[in-house]
Amino acid sequence: MTTAHPVAAPTLELLSWVSARPRTYRETIEAWRTSCPRLSVWDDAIGDGLVAVARGGRQDDALVRVTPAGRALLEGRTARSDASS
């Protein structure tokens, strides 16, 4: 799925955070939930197909992972950063 809007810095931060090590759904929601409708990083990342939740038997076992689309955004950002150095 292609994002319909430019990728904001907080979204890239979420993707980097999730890709750094295995994250549970509970841990991710606690760290990234917000009550501000203008800052919907988690909802946008899910809706744009950048992260996915792999559910286990219990919600505590559910893992959040960066999808191939999310990884491509991260790799593109890294490539652009390296090129501008």
N, C-alpha and C. Protein backbone atom coordinates (compact mmCIF):
# COMPACT_ATOMS: atom_id res chain seq x y z
N MET A 1 0.85 -1.18 0.00
CA MET A 1 0.00 0.00 0.00
C MET A 1 0.89 1.24 0.00
N THR A 2 0.52 2.23 -0.75
CA THR A 2 1.29 3.46 -0.83
C THR A 2 0.67 4.51 0.07
N THR A 3 1.53 5.28 0.76
CA THR A 3 0.99 6.31 1.62
C THR A 3 0.38 7.42 0.79
N ALA A 4 -0.72 7.94 1.26
CA ALA A 4 -1.44 8.99 0.53
C ALA A 4 -0.95 10.37 0.93
N HIS A 5 -0.07 10.44 1.89
CA HIS A 5 0.41 11.73 2.38
C HIS A 5 1.90 11.60 2.66
N PRO A 6 2.61 12.73 2.74
CA PRO A 6 4.03 12.65 3.04
C PRO A 6 4.27 11.98 4.39
N VAL A 7 5.38 11.28 4.48
CA VAL A 7 5.70 10.60 5.73
C VAL A 7 6.34 11.60 6.68
N ALA A 8 5.71 11.77 7.83
CA ALA A 8 6.18 12.73 8.83
C ALA A 8 7.31 12.12 9.65
N ALA A 9 8.10 12.99 10.23
CA ALA A 9 9.21 12.55 11.08
C ALA A 9 8.76 11.63 12.21
N PRO A 10 7.63 11.90 12.89
CA PRO A 10 7.21 10.96 13.93
C PRO A 10 6.92 9.55 13.41
N THR A 11 6.43 9.43 12.19
CA THR A 11 6.19 8.12 11.61
C THR A 11 7.51 7.39 11.39
N LEU A 12 8.50 8.09 10.88
CA LEU A 12 9.82 7.49 10.70
C LEU A 12 10.43 7.10 12.04
N GLU A 13 10.18 7.91 13.05
CA GLU A 13 10.67 7.59 14.39
C GLU A 13 10.00 6.31 14.90
N LEU A 14 8.69 6.17 14.70
CA LEU A 14 7.99 4.95 15.09
C LEU A 14 8.57 3.74 14.38
N LEU A 15 8.78 3.85 13.07
CA LEU A 15 9.32 2.73 12.31
C LEU A 15 10.71 2.34 12.81
N SER A 16 11.54 3.32 13.09
CA SER A 16 12.88 3.05 13.63
C SER A 16 12.79 2.37 14.99
N TRP A 17 11.88 2.86 15.82
CA TRP A 17 11.70 2.32 17.16
C TRP A 17 11.25 0.86 17.11
N VAL A 18 10.28 0.57 16.25
CA VAL A 18 9.77 -0.80 16.13
C VAL A 18 10.84 -1.72 15.55
N SER A 19 11.61 -1.24 14.60
CA SER A 19 12.60 -2.10 13.95
C SER A 19 13.85 -2.33 14.80
N ALA A 20 14.03 -1.56 15.87
CA ALA A 20 15.23 -1.68 16.70
C ALA A 20 15.30 -3.02 17.44
N ARG A 21 14.15 -3.54 17.85
CA ARG A 21 14.08 -4.81 18.56
C ARG A 21 12.62 -5.26 18.58
N PRO A 22 12.37 -6.52 18.89
CA PRO A 22 10.98 -6.98 18.95
C PRO A 22 10.18 -6.14 19.97
N ARG A 23 8.99 -5.71 19.56
CA ARG A 23 8.11 -4.91 20.42
C ARG A 23 6.77 -5.59 20.52
N THR A 24 6.22 -5.62 21.73
CA THR A 24 4.88 -6.17 21.88
C THR A 24 3.86 -5.09 21.54
N TYR A 25 2.66 -5.56 21.27
CA TYR A 25 1.57 -4.62 20.99
C TYR A 25 1.34 -3.71 22.19
N ARG A 26 1.31 -4.32 23.38
CA ARG A 26 1.07 -3.54 24.60
C ARG A 26 2.14 -2.45 24.78
N GLU A 27 3.40 -2.83 24.61
CA GLU A 27 4.51 -1.87 24.74
C GLU A 27 4.39 -0.75 23.72
N THR A 28 4.04 -1.11 22.49
CA THR A 28 3.93 -0.13 21.42
C THR A 28 2.79 0.85 21.67
N ILE A 29 1.64 0.33 22.06
CA ILE A 29 0.50 1.21 22.32
C ILE A 29 0.78 2.14 23.50
N GLU A 30 1.41 1.62 24.54
CA GLU A 30 1.74 2.47 25.68
C GLU A 30 2.70 3.59 25.30
N ALA A 31 3.62 3.30 24.41
CA ALA A 31 4.61 4.30 24.01
C ALA A 31 4.08 5.28 22.96
N TRP A 32 3.16 4.83 22.11
CA TRP A 32 2.78 5.64 20.96
C TRP A 32 1.32 6.09 20.93
N ARG A 33 0.52 5.76 21.91
CA ARG A 33 -0.87 6.21 21.86
C ARG A 33 -0.92 7.71 22.17
N THR A 34 -1.93 8.34 21.65
CA THR A 34 -2.11 9.77 21.88
C THR A 34 -3.59 10.09 21.85
N SER A 35 -3.95 11.14 22.53
CA SER A 35 -5.33 11.60 22.49
C SER A 35 -5.47 12.80 21.56
N CYS A 36 -4.37 13.18 20.93
CA CYS A 36 -4.38 14.33 20.03
C CYS A 36 -4.74 13.88 18.62
N PRO A 37 -5.85 14.37 18.06
CA PRO A 37 -6.25 13.92 16.73
C PRO A 37 -5.28 14.37 15.63
N ARG A 38 -4.44 15.35 15.91
CA ARG A 38 -3.48 15.79 14.90
C ARG A 38 -2.22 14.93 14.89
N LEU A 39 -2.01 14.14 15.92
CA LEU A 39 -0.83 13.30 16.01
C LEU A 39 -1.28 11.84 16.06
N SER A 40 -1.59 11.30 14.92
CA SER A 40 -2.12 9.94 14.84
C SER A 40 -1.07 8.99 14.25
N VAL A 41 0.13 9.03 14.78
CA VAL A 41 1.25 8.27 14.23
C VAL A 41 0.93 6.79 14.13
N TRP A 42 0.46 6.20 15.21
CA TRP A 42 0.17 4.76 15.22
C TRP A 42 -0.93 4.43 14.21
N ASP A 43 -2.04 5.17 14.25
CA ASP A 43 -3.16 4.90 13.34
C ASP A 43 -2.73 5.07 11.88
N ASP A 44 -1.96 6.11 11.60
CA ASP A 44 -1.50 6.33 10.22
C ASP A 44 -0.57 5.22 9.76
N ALA A 45 0.34 4.79 10.63
CA ALA A 45 1.28 3.73 10.26
C ALA A 45 0.55 2.42 9.98
N ILE A 46 -0.45 2.10 10.80
CA ILE A 46 -1.26 0.90 10.56
C ILE A 46 -2.04 1.06 9.26
N GLY A 47 -2.73 2.18 9.10
CA GLY A 47 -3.56 2.42 7.93
C GLY A 47 -2.78 2.44 6.63
N ASP A 48 -1.54 2.91 6.69
CA ASP A 48 -0.70 2.99 5.49
C ASP A 48 0.07 1.69 5.23
N GLY A 49 -0.13 0.70 6.12
CA GLY A 49 0.53 -0.58 5.92
C GLY A 49 2.02 -0.55 6.22
N LEU A 50 2.44 0.35 7.10
CA LEU A 50 3.87 0.47 7.43
C LEU A 50 4.27 -0.42 8.60
N VAL A 51 3.32 -0.72 9.47
CA VAL A 51 3.52 -1.66 10.57
C VAL A 51 2.33 -2.60 10.60
N ALA A 52 2.55 -3.76 11.20
CA ALA A 52 1.47 -4.76 11.33
C ALA A 52 1.59 -5.42 12.69
N VAL A 53 0.48 -5.94 13.17
CA VAL A 53 0.44 -6.64 14.44
C VAL A 53 0.24 -8.12 14.14
N ALA A 54 1.18 -8.93 14.61
CA ALA A 54 1.09 -10.38 14.46
C ALA A 54 0.55 -10.92 15.76
N ARG A 55 -0.70 -11.25 15.77
CA ARG A 55 -1.37 -11.67 17.00
C ARG A 55 -1.04 -13.11 17.34
N GLY A 56 -0.78 -13.34 18.63
CA GLY A 56 -0.57 -14.69 19.15
C GLY A 56 -1.84 -15.14 19.84
N GLY A 57 -1.70 -16.06 20.77
CA GLY A 57 -2.85 -16.57 21.50
C GLY A 57 -3.43 -15.53 22.44
N ARG A 58 -2.58 -14.68 23.00
CA ARG A 58 -3.02 -13.62 23.92
C ARG A 58 -2.52 -12.28 23.39
N GLN A 59 -3.19 -11.20 23.78
CA GLN A 59 -2.76 -9.88 23.32
C GLN A 59 -1.35 -9.57 23.79
N ASP A 60 -0.96 -10.08 24.98
CA ASP A 60 0.39 -9.86 25.47
C ASP A 60 1.44 -10.46 24.54
N ASP A 61 1.05 -11.49 23.78
CA ASP A 61 1.97 -12.16 22.88
C ASP A 61 2.04 -11.50 21.51
N ALA A 62 1.12 -10.60 21.21
CA ALA A 62 1.09 -9.97 19.89
C ALA A 62 2.35 -9.13 19.70
N LEU A 63 2.96 -9.28 18.53
CA LEU A 63 4.15 -8.52 18.22
C LEU A 63 3.87 -7.53 17.10
N VAL A 64 4.49 -6.38 17.21
CA VAL A 64 4.39 -5.35 16.18
C VAL A 64 5.64 -5.47 15.32
N ARG A 65 5.46 -5.41 14.02
CA ARG A 65 6.60 -5.50 13.12
C ARG A 65 6.49 -4.45 12.02
N VAL A 66 7.62 -4.08 11.50
CA VAL A 66 7.66 -3.17 10.36
C VAL A 66 7.41 -4.01 9.12
N THR A 67 6.52 -3.56 8.28
CA THR A 67 6.20 -4.29 7.04
C THR A 67 7.26 -3.99 5.99
N PRO A 68 7.23 -4.71 4.88
CA PRO A 68 8.16 -4.38 3.80
C PRO A 68 8.02 -2.92 3.33
N ALA A 69 6.81 -2.39 3.30
CA ALA A 69 6.62 -0.98 2.91
C ALA A 69 7.28 -0.04 3.91
N GLY A 70 7.13 -0.35 5.20
CA GLY A 70 7.76 0.46 6.23
C GLY A 70 9.27 0.37 6.16
N ARG A 71 9.79 -0.83 5.93
CA ARG A 71 11.23 -1.01 5.81
C ARG A 71 11.77 -0.24 4.61
N ALA A 72 11.03 -0.22 3.51
CA ALA A 72 11.47 0.53 2.33
C ALA A 72 11.56 2.02 2.65
N LEU A 73 10.59 2.55 3.42
CA LEU A 73 10.68 3.95 3.82
C LEU A 73 11.90 4.22 4.67
N LEU A 74 12.17 3.33 5.61
CA LEU A 74 13.35 3.49 6.47
C LEU A 74 14.63 3.42 5.64
N GLU A 75 14.71 2.47 4.74
CA GLU A 75 15.91 2.33 3.91
C GLU A 75 16.07 3.51 2.97
N GLY A 76 14.97 4.03 2.46
CA GLY A 76 15.03 5.21 1.60
C GLY A 76 15.51 6.43 2.36
N ARG A 77 15.07 6.57 3.61
CA ARG A 77 15.51 7.68 4.43
C ARG A 77 17.00 7.57 4.71
N THR A 78 17.47 6.36 5.00
CA THR A 78 18.89 6.15 5.27
C THR A 78 19.71 6.43 4.03
N ALA A 79 19.24 5.98 2.88
CA ALA A 79 19.97 6.22 1.63
C ALA A 79 20.05 7.71 1.34
N ARG A 80 18.96 8.45 1.56
CA ARG A 80 18.98 9.89 1.32
C ARG A 80 19.92 10.59 2.29
N SER A 81 19.93 10.13 3.55
CA SER A 81 20.82 10.73 4.56
C SER A 81 22.27 10.50 4.19
N ASP A 82 22.59 9.29 3.72
CA ASP A 82 23.96 8.97 3.35
C ASP A 82 24.39 9.78 2.12
N ALA A 83 23.48 9.98 1.18
CA ALA A 83 23.81 10.71 -0.05
C ALA A 83 24.05 12.20 0.23
N SER A 84 23.39 12.74 1.25
CA SER A 84 23.54 14.17 1.53
C SER A 84 24.75 14.46 2.41
N SER A 85 25.40 13.43 2.92
CA SER A 85 26.57 13.62 3.79
C SER A 85 27.79 13.99 3.00
